[in-house]
Amino acid sequence: MLNILEFEKPIHELEGKINELKSFADKNNINLSHELEVLTKKLEVMRKEVYENLSAWQKVKLARLQERPKSLDYIERLITDFTEFHGDRFYGDDKSIVAGIGIFEGLPVTVIGHQKGKDTNENVKRNFGMPHPEGYRKALRLMKQAEKFKRPVITFIDTPGAYCGLAAEERGQGEAIAMNLLEMSRLKTPTLSVVIGEGGSGGALALGVADRVCMLEHAIYSVISPEGLSSILWKDATLAEKAADIMKLTAQNLLSLNVIDAIVKEPLGGAHKDIDYTANNIKQYISKELKTLRKMNTVELLDTRYKKLRQIGVWQ
């Protein structure tokens, strides 16, 4: 059963009425095509008005939706012959990060992504998409391997943040993230990052220091969660909606601040409404940008990346 967000209730109520009317017309052999057409047009207008004018907090809710496609959903549609690799060669394997190699439009690539679960059991297995240090070290191992074999790196970002438990801190969570930031900034191969859902703090940034960073239309990307910010600023986590409005965490905000390079269109209602449509839009973006990046030599690639990182943000 799909989760229905508060702002979606009028849409789902009208959808229910249209289905009831269709069922009534079929059972009683009555022609209600005109009435159905009027209601269907009203539904289309309602959907457009709601989903094209979402507040920052509504986008947070949509980005966190359990039905939203995960990294493996996109890998399945974009990457052929995908082979997943496991372990960091130091401690163990972290299932909250999937990483491997495959073929993107005939080109060998390395793919890394945060992986949330689609139900409670899988979320427990995937630690709700919150990586441990070994997850980031696994990602780094695959990135360095990609550099060695001159494979482009594609990352999918979708995490509330790095896991902040005692065991993670004992195993060097901060150092693992810092090493990823350092190594990604000077990786001698093209890198592309796609924020597909929730991009939370350093846990997201550890896969996001790339030549090109794009976000799905209803994804979010921020230094802290709205709940965390409201707890710090106002000592009240219930003011998360107010916090979201001032955080500039939507794709539209971040594009205007030069934090990201592009916004990838989602279907009306969100990526979960049509995964193939969303995946195809991601494919087109990656394909176009890879062609540009692969024409650069190593010096040009690193110089362009450095300039891009230096230009993040807008001074007013």
C-alpha atoms as a PDB file:
ATOM      1  CA  MET A   1       0.000   0.000   0.000  1.00  0.00           C
ATOM      2  CA  LEU A   2       1.354   3.426  -0.967  1.00  0.00           C
ATOM      3  CA  ASN A   3       1.991   6.041   1.692  1.00  0.00           C
ATOM      4  CA  ILE A   4      -0.184   9.088   1.101  1.00  0.00           C
ATOM      5  CA  LEU A   5       1.284  12.428   2.105  1.00  0.00           C
ATOM      6  CA  GLU A   6      -0.967  15.105   3.593  1.00  0.00           C
ATOM      7  CA  PHE A   7      -0.858  17.370   0.521  1.00  0.00           C
ATOM      8  CA  GLU A   8      -1.725  14.394  -1.733  1.00  0.00           C
ATOM      9  CA  LYS A   9      -5.006  13.519   0.026  1.00  0.00           C
ATOM     10  CA  PRO A  10      -7.296  15.685  -2.175  1.00  0.00           C
ATOM     11  CA  ILE A  11      -5.727  14.100  -5.276  1.00  0.00           C
ATOM     12  CA  HIS A  12      -6.229  10.561  -3.979  1.00  0.00           C
ATOM     13  CA  GLU A  13      -9.809  11.357  -2.919  1.00  0.00           C
ATOM     14  CA  LEU A  14     -10.646  12.593  -6.431  1.00  0.00           C
ATOM     15  CA  GLU A  15      -8.919   9.538  -7.965  1.00  0.00           C
ATOM     16  CA  GLY A  16     -11.104   7.349  -5.723  1.00  0.00           C
ATOM     17  CA  LYS A  17     -14.276   9.117  -6.846  1.00  0.00           C
ATOM     18  CA  ILE A  18     -13.329   8.717 -10.522  1.00  0.00           C
ATOM     19  CA  ASN A  19     -12.703   4.983 -10.002  1.00  0.00           C
ATOM     20  CA  GLU A  20     -16.029   4.616  -8.168  1.00  0.00           C
ATOM     21  CA  LEU A  21     -17.835   6.373 -10.996  1.00  0.00           C
ATOM     22  CA  LYS A  22     -16.164   4.148 -13.602  1.00  0.00           C
ATOM     23  CA  SER A  23     -17.135   1.047 -11.645  1.00  0.00           C
ATOM     24  CA  PHE A  24     -20.742   2.281 -11.273  1.00  0.00           C
ATOM     25  CA  ALA A  25     -20.990   3.041 -15.002  1.00  0.00           C
ATOM     26  CA  ASP A  26     -19.652  -0.410 -15.958  1.00  0.00           C
ATOM     27  CA  LYS A  27     -21.918  -2.305 -13.565  1.00  0.00           C
ATOM     28  CA  ASN A  28     -25.051  -0.458 -14.629  1.00  0.00           C
ATOM     29  CA  ASN A  29     -24.135  -0.103 -18.304  1.00  0.00           C
ATOM     30  CA  ILE A  30     -24.502   3.708 -18.148  1.00  0.00           C
ATOM     31  CA  ASN A  31     -22.582   6.149 -20.343  1.00  0.00           C
ATOM     32  CA  LEU A  32     -20.889   8.605 -18.004  1.00  0.00           C
ATOM     33  CA  SER A  33     -18.009   9.496 -20.343  1.00  0.00           C
ATOM     34  CA  HIS A  34     -18.707  13.241 -20.191  1.00  0.00           C
ATOM     35  CA  GLU A  35     -18.740  13.306 -16.382  1.00  0.00           C
ATOM     36  CA  LEU A  36     -15.588  11.193 -16.243  1.00  0.00           C
ATOM     37  CA  GLU A  37     -13.842  13.465 -18.730  1.00  0.00           C
ATOM     38  CA  VAL A  38     -14.668  16.557 -16.643  1.00  0.00           C
ATOM     39  CA  LEU A  39     -13.380  14.915 -13.444  1.00  0.00           C
ATOM     40  CA  THR A  40     -10.246  13.611 -15.176  1.00  0.00           C
ATOM     41  CA  LYS A  41      -9.391  17.085 -16.450  1.00  0.00           C
ATOM     42  CA  LYS A  42      -9.983  18.470 -12.969  1.00  0.00           C
ATOM     43  CA  LEU A  43      -7.631  15.796 -11.590  1.00  0.00           C
ATOM     44  CA  GLU A  44      -4.890  16.736 -14.074  1.00  0.00           C
ATOM     45  CA  VAL A  45      -5.170  20.423 -13.134  1.00  0.00           C
ATOM     46  CA  MET A  46      -5.118  19.566  -9.418  1.00  0.00           C
ATOM     47  CA  ARG A  47      -2.010  17.385  -9.805  1.00  0.00           C
ATOM     48  CA  LYS A  48      -0.205  20.125 -11.726  1.00  0.00           C
ATOM     49  CA  GLU A  49      -1.102  22.805  -9.184  1.00  0.00           C
ATOM     50  CA  VAL A  50      -0.010  20.655  -6.222  1.00  0.00           C
ATOM     51  CA  TYR A  51       3.217  19.119  -7.534  1.00  0.00           C
ATOM     52  CA  GLU A  52       4.531  22.199  -9.320  1.00  0.00           C
ATOM     53  CA  ASN A  53       4.102  24.382  -6.227  1.00  0.00           C
ATOM     54  CA  LEU A  54       5.449  22.193  -3.441  1.00  0.00           C
ATOM     55  CA  SER A  55       6.900  23.896  -0.381  1.00  0.00           C
ATOM     56  CA  ALA A  56      10.373  22.963   0.860  1.00  0.00           C
ATOM     57  CA  TRP A  57       8.873  20.816   3.635  1.00  0.00           C
ATOM     58  CA  GLN A  58       6.595  19.015   1.188  1.00  0.00           C
ATOM     59  CA  LYS A  59       9.653  18.222  -0.941  1.00  0.00           C
ATOM     60  CA  VAL A  60      11.386  16.835   2.168  1.00  0.00           C
ATOM     61  CA  LYS A  61       8.424  14.512   2.718  1.00  0.00           C
ATOM     62  CA  LEU A  62       8.408  13.453  -0.936  1.00  0.00           C
ATOM     63  CA  ALA A  63      12.180  12.873  -0.998  1.00  0.00           C
ATOM     64  CA  ARG A  64      11.882  10.576   2.043  1.00  0.00           C
ATOM     65  CA  LEU A  65       8.934   8.583   0.693  1.00  0.00           C
ATOM     66  CA  GLN A  66       9.519   4.850   1.068  1.00  0.00           C
ATOM     67  CA  GLU A  67       8.145   4.149  -2.416  1.00  0.00           C
ATOM     68  CA  ARG A  68      10.711   6.459  -4.003  1.00  0.00           C
ATOM     69  CA  PRO A  69      13.134   4.550  -6.304  1.00  0.00           C
ATOM     70  CA  LYS A  70      16.437   3.530  -4.753  1.00  0.00           C
ATOM     71  CA  SER A  71      19.945   3.310  -6.240  1.00  0.00           C
ATOM     72  CA  LEU A  72      19.498  -0.327  -7.307  1.00  0.00           C
ATOM     73  CA  ASP A  73      16.290   0.580  -9.183  1.00  0.00           C
ATOM     74  CA  TYR A  74      18.249   3.027 -11.334  1.00  0.00           C
ATOM     75  CA  ILE A  75      21.279   0.735 -11.663  1.00  0.00           C
ATOM     76  CA  GLU A  76      18.973  -2.012 -12.948  1.00  0.00           C
ATOM     77  CA  ARG A  77      17.643   0.323 -15.664  1.00  0.00           C
ATOM     78  CA  LEU A  78      20.823   2.181 -16.608  1.00  0.00           C
ATOM     79  CA  ILE A  79      23.690  -0.273 -16.149  1.00  0.00           C
ATOM     80  CA  THR A  80      24.018  -3.596 -17.965  1.00  0.00           C
ATOM     81  CA  ASP A  81      26.138  -6.489 -16.702  1.00  0.00           C
ATOM     82  CA  PHE A  82      26.356  -4.910 -13.244  1.00  0.00           C
ATOM     83  CA  THR A  83      28.618  -6.827 -10.864  1.00  0.00           C
ATOM     84  CA  GLU A  84      28.462  -5.767  -7.220  1.00  0.00           C
ATOM     85  CA  PHE A  85      31.658  -5.718  -5.156  1.00  0.00           C
ATOM     86  CA  HIS A  86      31.721  -6.155  -1.382  1.00  0.00           C
ATOM     87  CA  GLY A  87      33.929  -5.158   1.523  1.00  0.00           C
ATOM     88  CA  ASP A  88      36.512  -2.493   2.274  1.00  0.00           C
ATOM     89  CA  ARG A  89      39.436  -4.909   2.821  1.00  0.00           C
ATOM     90  CA  PHE A  90      39.787  -3.560   6.385  1.00  0.00           C
ATOM     91  CA  TYR A  91      36.701  -4.440   8.423  1.00  0.00           C
ATOM     92  CA  GLY A  92      33.710  -5.773   6.490  1.00  0.00           C
ATOM     93  CA  ASP A  93      30.901  -5.066   4.055  1.00  0.00           C
ATOM     94  CA  ASP A  94      28.369  -2.278   4.514  1.00  0.00           C
ATOM     95  CA  LYS A  95      25.044  -3.009   2.840  1.00  0.00           C
ATOM     96  CA  SER A  96      23.936   0.631   3.011  1.00  0.00           C
ATOM     97  CA  ILE A  97      26.290   1.332   0.099  1.00  0.00           C
ATOM     98  CA  VAL A  98      26.133  -0.693  -3.128  1.00  0.00           C
ATOM     99  CA  ALA A  99      29.163  -0.530  -5.406  1.00  0.00           C
ATOM    100  CA  GLY A 100      30.295  -2.331  -8.508  1.00  0.00           C
ATOM    101  CA  ILE A 101      31.164  -2.170 -12.181  1.00  0.00           C
ATOM    102  CA  GLY A 102      29.011  -2.415 -15.272  1.00  0.00           C
ATOM    103  CA  ILE A 103      28.340  -1.037 -18.735  1.00  0.00           C
ATOM    104  CA  PHE A 104      26.660   2.300 -19.455  1.00  0.00           C
ATOM    105  CA  GLU A 105      25.853   2.724 -23.160  1.00  0.00           C
ATOM    106  CA  GLY A 106      28.770   0.487 -24.137  1.00  0.00           C
ATOM    107  CA  LEU A 107      31.202   2.191 -21.735  1.00  0.00           C
ATOM    108  CA  PRO A 108      32.653   0.400 -18.660  1.00  0.00           C
ATOM    109  CA  VAL A 109      31.815   2.429 -15.534  1.00  0.00           C
ATOM    110  CA  THR A 110      32.049   2.166 -11.760  1.00  0.00           C
ATOM    111  CA  VAL A 111      28.738   2.746  -9.970  1.00  0.00           C
ATOM    112  CA  ILE A 112      28.328   3.537  -6.267  1.00  0.00           C
ATOM    113  CA  GLY A 113      25.153   4.443  -4.404  1.00  0.00           C
ATOM    114  CA  HIS A 114      23.494   4.724  -1.030  1.00  0.00           C
ATOM    115  CA  GLN A 115      20.825   2.061  -0.673  1.00  0.00           C
ATOM    116  CA  LYS A 116      17.765   2.435   1.551  1.00  0.00           C
ATOM    117  CA  GLY A 117      15.262  -0.362   2.064  1.00  0.00           C
ATOM    118  CA  LYS A 118      11.802  -0.675   0.549  1.00  0.00           C
ATOM    119  CA  ASP A 119      10.289  -2.093   3.746  1.00  0.00           C
ATOM    120  CA  THR A 120      11.183  -2.323   7.433  1.00  0.00           C
ATOM    121  CA  ASN A 121      13.153  -5.563   7.153  1.00  0.00           C
ATOM    122  CA  GLU A 122      15.253  -4.293   4.256  1.00  0.00           C
ATOM    123  CA  ASN A 123      15.752  -0.943   5.973  1.00  0.00           C
ATOM    124  CA  VAL A 124      17.208  -2.752   8.987  1.00  0.00           C
ATOM    125  CA  LYS A 125      19.491  -4.727   6.653  1.00  0.00           C
ATOM    126  CA  ARG A 126      20.558  -1.524   4.863  1.00  0.00           C
ATOM    127  CA  ASN A 127      20.787   0.484   8.115  1.00  0.00           C
ATOM    128  CA  PHE A 128      18.184   2.904   6.689  1.00  0.00           C
ATOM    129  CA  GLY A 129      20.729   4.059   4.095  1.00  0.00           C
ATOM    130  CA  MET A 130      23.131   5.395   6.754  1.00  0.00           C
ATOM    131  CA  PRO A 131      26.655   4.110   5.993  1.00  0.00           C
ATOM    132  CA  HIS A 132      29.320   3.000   8.431  1.00  0.00           C
ATOM    133  CA  PRO A 133      33.017   3.849   7.804  1.00  0.00           C
ATOM    134  CA  GLU A 134      33.512   0.555   5.953  1.00  0.00           C
ATOM    135  CA  GLY A 135      30.840   1.655   3.480  1.00  0.00           C
ATOM    136  CA  TYR A 136      32.778   4.783   2.586  1.00  0.00           C
ATOM    137  CA  ARG A 137      36.045   2.838   2.448  1.00  0.00           C
ATOM    138  CA  LYS A 138      34.411   0.345   0.092  1.00  0.00           C
ATOM    139  CA  ALA A 139      33.297   3.265  -2.082  1.00  0.00           C
ATOM    140  CA  LEU A 140      36.802   4.722  -2.044  1.00  0.00           C
ATOM    141  CA  ARG A 141      38.333   1.357  -2.945  1.00  0.00           C
ATOM    142  CA  LEU A 142      36.084   1.189  -6.009  1.00  0.00           C
ATOM    143  CA  MET A 143      36.841   4.797  -6.950  1.00  0.00           C
ATOM    144  CA  LYS A 144      40.607   4.204  -6.861  1.00  0.00           C
ATOM    145  CA  GLN A 145      40.113   1.044  -8.898  1.00  0.00           C
ATOM    146  CA  ALA A 146      38.111   3.083 -11.441  1.00  0.00           C
ATOM    147  CA  GLU A 147      40.942   5.608 -11.626  1.00  0.00           C
ATOM    148  CA  LYS A 148      43.453   2.820 -12.280  1.00  0.00           C
ATOM    149  CA  PHE A 149      41.416   1.377 -15.152  1.00  0.00           C
ATOM    150  CA  LYS A 150      40.219   4.795 -16.409  1.00  0.00           C
ATOM    151  CA  ARG A 151      36.534   4.073 -15.790  1.00  0.00           C
ATOM    152  CA  PRO A 152      34.138   7.011 -15.138  1.00  0.00           C
ATOM    153  CA  VAL A 153      32.497   6.968 -11.696  1.00  0.00           C
ATOM    154  CA  ILE A 154      28.728   7.440 -11.308  1.00  0.00           C
ATOM    155  CA  THR A 155      27.305   7.861  -7.792  1.00  0.00           C
ATOM    156  CA  PHE A 156      23.707   7.900  -6.563  1.00  0.00           C
ATOM    157  CA  ILE A 157      23.140   9.876  -3.361  1.00  0.00           C
ATOM    158  CA  ASP A 158      20.255   8.998  -1.045  1.00  0.00           C
ATOM    159  CA  THR A 159      20.990   9.055   2.679  1.00  0.00           C
ATOM    160  CA  PRO A 160      19.743  10.836   5.816  1.00  0.00           C
ATOM    161  CA  GLY A 161      23.434  11.034   6.750  1.00  0.00           C
ATOM    162  CA  ALA A 162      26.333   8.871   7.878  1.00  0.00           C
ATOM    163  CA  TYR A 163      25.574   6.559  10.799  1.00  0.00           C
ATOM    164  CA  CYS A 164      26.533   8.309  14.033  1.00  0.00           C
ATOM    165  CA  GLY A 165      26.592   5.333  16.393  1.00  0.00           C
ATOM    166  CA  LEU A 166      29.427   4.587  18.811  1.00  0.00           C
ATOM    167  CA  ALA A 167      30.813   1.682  16.733  1.00  0.00           C
ATOM    168  CA  ALA A 168      30.977   3.864  13.609  1.00  0.00           C
ATOM    169  CA  GLU A 169      32.863   6.564  15.491  1.00  0.00           C
ATOM    170  CA  GLU A 170      35.251   3.992  16.950  1.00  0.00           C
ATOM    171  CA  ARG A 171      36.052   2.738  13.445  1.00  0.00           C
ATOM    172  CA  GLY A 172      36.811   6.241  12.159  1.00  0.00           C
ATOM    173  CA  GLN A 173      33.644   7.634  10.604  1.00  0.00           C
ATOM    174  CA  GLY A 174      34.982  11.193  10.313  1.00  0.00           C
ATOM    175  CA  GLU A 175      38.300  10.076   8.832  1.00  0.00           C
ATOM    176  CA  ALA A 176      36.575   7.811   6.293  1.00  0.00           C
ATOM    177  CA  ILE A 177      34.359  10.650   5.066  1.00  0.00           C
ATOM    178  CA  ALA A 178      37.268  13.116   5.000  1.00  0.00           C
ATOM    179  CA  MET A 179      39.370  10.721   2.917  1.00  0.00           C
ATOM    180  CA  ASN A 180      36.550  10.359   0.391  1.00  0.00           C
ATOM    181  CA  LEU A 181      36.253  14.148   0.085  1.00  0.00           C
ATOM    182  CA  LEU A 182      40.000  14.466  -0.446  1.00  0.00           C
ATOM    183  CA  GLU A 183      40.359  11.592  -2.900  1.00  0.00           C
ATOM    184  CA  MET A 184      37.256  12.453  -4.938  1.00  0.00           C
ATOM    185  CA  SER A 185      38.487  16.017  -5.366  1.00  0.00           C
ATOM    186  CA  ARG A 186      41.651  14.756  -7.123  1.00  0.00           C
ATOM    187  CA  LEU A 187      40.410  11.549  -8.776  1.00  0.00           C
ATOM    188  CA  LYS A 188      41.920  11.296 -12.266  1.00  0.00           C
ATOM    189  CA  THR A 189      38.777  10.041 -13.962  1.00  0.00           C
ATOM    190  CA  PRO A 190      35.392  11.665 -14.761  1.00  0.00           C
ATOM    191  CA  THR A 191      32.898  11.659 -11.873  1.00  0.00           C
ATOM    192  CA  LEU A 192      29.146  12.289 -11.880  1.00  0.00           C
ATOM    193  CA  SER A 193      26.804  12.396  -8.878  1.00  0.00           C
ATOM    194  CA  VAL A 194      23.009  12.192  -8.908  1.00  0.00           C
ATOM    195  CA  VAL A 195      21.010  13.097  -5.785  1.00  0.00           C
ATOM    196  CA  ILE A 196      17.986  10.830  -6.147  1.00  0.00           C
ATOM    197  CA  GLY A 197      16.282  11.360  -2.790  1.00  0.00           C
ATOM    198  CA  GLU A 198      17.698  12.653   0.461  1.00  0.00           C
ATOM    199  CA  GLY A 199      21.197  14.118   0.493  1.00  0.00           C
ATOM    200  CA  GLY A 200      22.141  14.454   4.139  1.00  0.00           C
ATOM    201  CA  SER A 201      25.296  16.184   5.375  1.00  0.00           C
ATOM    202  CA  GLY A 202      28.794  14.672   5.068  1.00  0.00           C
ATOM    203  CA  GLY A 203      27.242  11.254   4.584  1.00  0.00           C
ATOM    204  CA  ALA A 204      25.986  12.444   1.195  1.00  0.00           C
ATOM    205  CA  LEU A 205      28.969  14.655   0.371  1.00  0.00           C
ATOM    206  CA  ALA A 206      31.333  11.673   0.701  1.00  0.00           C
ATOM    207  CA  LEU A 207      29.907  10.476  -2.644  1.00  0.00           C
ATOM    208  CA  GLY A 208      29.233  13.935  -4.039  1.00  0.00           C
ATOM    209  CA  VAL A 209      32.524  15.721  -4.797  1.00  0.00           C
ATOM    210  CA  ALA A 210      32.164  15.267  -8.543  1.00  0.00           C
ATOM    211  CA  ASP A 211      32.751  16.927 -11.908  1.00  0.00           C
ATOM    212  CA  ARG A 212      29.001  17.088 -12.404  1.00  0.00           C
ATOM    213  CA  VAL A 213      26.308  17.031  -9.708  1.00  0.00           C
ATOM    214  CA  CYS A 214      22.627  16.913 -10.574  1.00  0.00           C
ATOM    215  CA  MET A 215      19.499  16.442  -8.488  1.00  0.00           C
ATOM    216  CA  LEU A 216      16.119  14.961  -9.231  1.00  0.00           C
ATOM    217  CA  GLU A 217      13.400  17.598  -9.243  1.00  0.00           C
ATOM    218  CA  HIS A 218      12.011  16.688  -5.806  1.00  0.00           C
ATOM    219  CA  ALA A 219      15.249  15.592  -4.121  1.00  0.00           C
ATOM    220  CA  ILE A 220      16.819  17.522  -1.228  1.00  0.00           C
ATOM    221  CA  TYR A 221      20.460  18.184  -0.291  1.00  0.00           C
ATOM    222  CA  SER A 222      21.498  19.849   2.967  1.00  0.00           C
ATOM    223  CA  VAL A 223      24.138  20.090   5.666  1.00  0.00           C
ATOM    224  CA  ILE A 224      21.687  18.878   8.330  1.00  0.00           C
ATOM    225  CA  SER A 225      18.090  17.653   8.509  1.00  0.00           C
ATOM    226  CA  PRO A 226      15.319  20.217   9.132  1.00  0.00           C
ATOM    227  CA  GLU A 227      14.597  18.449  12.427  1.00  0.00           C
ATOM    228  CA  GLY A 228      18.252  18.765  13.440  1.00  0.00           C
ATOM    229  CA  LEU A 229      18.440  22.439  12.511  1.00  0.00           C
ATOM    230  CA  SER A 230      15.251  23.337  14.387  1.00  0.00           C
ATOM    231  CA  SER A 231      16.524  21.462  17.448  1.00  0.00           C
ATOM    232  CA  ILE A 232      19.752  23.481  17.395  1.00  0.00           C
ATOM    233  CA  LEU A 233      18.290  26.895  16.551  1.00  0.00           C
ATOM    234  CA  TRP A 234      15.032  26.822  18.479  1.00  0.00           C
ATOM    235  CA  LYS A 235      15.431  23.780  20.768  1.00  0.00           C
ATOM    236  CA  ASP A 236      12.266  22.388  19.194  1.00  0.00           C
ATOM    237  CA  ALA A 237      12.267  19.611  16.570  1.00  0.00           C
ATOM    238  CA  THR A 238       8.595  20.261  15.801  1.00  0.00           C
ATOM    239  CA  LEU A 239       9.616  23.441  13.973  1.00  0.00           C
ATOM    240  CA  ALA A 240      11.205  21.387  11.185  1.00  0.00           C
ATOM    241  CA  GLU A 241       8.817  22.812   8.578  1.00  0.00           C
ATOM    242  CA  LYS A 242       9.928  26.353   9.423  1.00  0.00           C
ATOM    243  CA  ALA A 243      13.572  25.210   9.279  1.00  0.00           C
ATOM    244  CA  ALA A 244      13.101  23.619   5.837  1.00  0.00           C
ATOM    245  CA  ASP A 245      11.871  26.943   4.451  1.00  0.00           C
ATOM    246  CA  ILE A 246      15.083  28.760   5.410  1.00  0.00           C
ATOM    247  CA  MET A 247      17.596  25.995   4.603  1.00  0.00           C
ATOM    248  CA  LYS A 248      17.656  26.332   0.786  1.00  0.00           C
ATOM    249  CA  LEU A 249      17.684  22.526   0.446  1.00  0.00           C
ATOM    250  CA  THR A 250      15.610  22.019  -2.697  1.00  0.00           C
ATOM    251  CA  ALA A 251      17.089  21.337  -6.121  1.00  0.00           C
ATOM    252  CA  GLN A 252      15.811  24.705  -7.336  1.00  0.00           C
ATOM    253  CA  ASN A 253      17.529  26.553  -4.449  1.00  0.00           C
ATOM    254  CA  LEU A 254      20.807  24.723  -4.908  1.00  0.00           C
ATOM    255  CA  LEU A 255      20.930  25.275  -8.663  1.00  0.00           C
ATOM    256  CA  SER A 256      20.621  29.027  -8.083  1.00  0.00           C
ATOM    257  CA  LEU A 257      23.497  28.836  -5.557  1.00  0.00           C
ATOM    258  CA  ASN A 258      25.807  26.919  -7.950  1.00  0.00           C
ATOM    259  CA  VAL A 259      25.925  23.943  -5.583  1.00  0.00           C
ATOM    260  CA  ILE A 260      24.583  21.650  -8.317  1.00  0.00           C
ATOM    261  CA  ASP A 261      24.828  21.770 -12.101  1.00  0.00           C
ATOM    262  CA  ALA A 262      21.398  20.598 -13.258  1.00  0.00           C
ATOM    263  CA  ILE A 263      17.921  19.452 -12.251  1.00  0.00           C
ATOM    264  CA  VAL A 264      16.574  16.205 -13.701  1.00  0.00           C
ATOM    265  CA  LYS A 265      12.837  16.210 -14.373  1.00  0.00           C
ATOM    266  CA  GLU A 266      10.571  13.787 -12.513  1.00  0.00           C
ATOM    267  CA  PRO A 267       7.087  12.678 -13.590  1.00  0.00           C
ATOM    268  CA  LEU A 268       4.136  14.513 -12.057  1.00  0.00           C
ATOM    269  CA  GLY A 269       3.758  13.167  -8.533  1.00  0.00           C
ATOM    270  CA  GLY A 270       7.363  12.100  -8.076  1.00  0.00           C
ATOM    271  CA  ALA A 271       9.921   9.600  -9.370  1.00  0.00           C
ATOM    272  CA  HIS A 272       7.979   6.615  -7.965  1.00  0.00           C
ATOM    273  CA  LYS A 273       5.076   7.334 -10.316  1.00  0.00           C
ATOM    274  CA  ASP A 274       7.161   6.372 -13.366  1.00  0.00           C
ATOM    275  CA  ILE A 275      10.629   4.983 -12.630  1.00  0.00           C
ATOM    276  CA  ASP A 276      11.408   4.333 -16.290  1.00  0.00           C
ATOM    277  CA  TYR A 277      10.685   7.969 -17.205  1.00  0.00           C
ATOM    278  CA  THR A 278      12.947   9.215 -14.403  1.00  0.00           C
ATOM    279  CA  ALA A 279      15.712   6.723 -15.237  1.00  0.00           C
ATOM    280  CA  ASN A 280      15.622   7.762 -18.891  1.00  0.00           C
ATOM    281  CA  ASN A 281      16.014  11.433 -17.939  1.00  0.00           C
ATOM    282  CA  ILE A 282      19.002  10.539 -15.727  1.00  0.00           C
ATOM    283  CA  LYS A 283      20.439   8.492 -18.583  1.00  0.00           C
ATOM    284  CA  GLN A 284      20.212  11.423 -20.993  1.00  0.00           C
ATOM    285  CA  TYR A 285      21.951  13.746 -18.525  1.00  0.00           C
ATOM    286  CA  ILE A 286      24.780  11.310 -17.727  1.00  0.00           C
ATOM    287  CA  SER A 287      25.285  10.450 -21.400  1.00  0.00           C
ATOM    288  CA  LYS A 288      25.552  14.117 -22.419  1.00  0.00           C
ATOM    289  CA  GLU A 289      27.934  15.078 -19.603  1.00  0.00           C
ATOM    290  CA  LEU A 290      30.149  12.006 -19.989  1.00  0.00           C
ATOM    291  CA  LYS A 291      30.778  12.882 -23.623  1.00  0.00           C
ATOM    292  CA  THR A 292      32.051  16.301 -22.536  1.00  0.00           C
ATOM    293  CA  LEU A 293      34.147  15.045 -19.611  1.00  0.00           C
ATOM    294  CA  ARG A 294      35.787  12.213 -21.542  1.00  0.00           C
ATOM    295  CA  LYS A 295      37.166  14.704 -24.095  1.00  0.00           C
ATOM    296  CA  MET A 296      39.268  16.355 -21.370  1.00  0.00           C
ATOM    297  CA  ASN A 297      42.769  15.221 -20.516  1.00  0.00           C
ATOM    298  CA  THR A 298      43.662  14.685 -16.856  1.00  0.00           C
ATOM    299  CA  VAL A 299      45.046  18.196 -16.320  1.00  0.00           C
ATOM    300  CA  GLU A 300      41.935  19.824 -17.859  1.00  0.00           C
ATOM    301  CA  LEU A 301      39.637  17.545 -15.862  1.00  0.00           C
ATOM    302  CA  LEU A 302      41.248  18.352 -12.494  1.00  0.00           C
ATOM    303  CA  ASP A 303      41.549  22.058 -13.272  1.00  0.00           C
ATOM    304  CA  THR A 304      37.884  22.293 -14.291  1.00  0.00           C
ATOM    305  CA  ARG A 305      36.807  20.392 -11.168  1.00  0.00           C
ATOM    306  CA  TYR A 306      38.876  22.699  -8.949  1.00  0.00           C
ATOM    307  CA  LYS A 307      37.320  25.807 -10.514  1.00  0.00           C
ATOM    308  CA  LYS A 308      33.837  24.337 -10.161  1.00  0.00           C
ATOM    309  CA  LEU A 309      34.345  23.658  -6.439  1.00  0.00           C
ATOM    310  CA  ARG A 310      35.725  27.168  -5.899  1.00  0.00           C
ATOM    311  CA  GLN A 311      32.652  28.723  -7.520  1.00  0.00           C
ATOM    312  CA  ILE A 312      30.078  27.010  -5.311  1.00  0.00           C
ATOM    313  CA  GLY A 313      27.825  29.488  -3.529  1.00  0.00           C
ATOM    314  CA  VAL A 314      26.574  32.994  -4.209  1.00  0.00           C
ATOM    315  CA  TRP A 315      27.632  36.092  -2.268  1.00  0.00           C
ATOM    316  CA  GLN A 316      24.932  38.686  -1.747  1.00  0.00           C
END
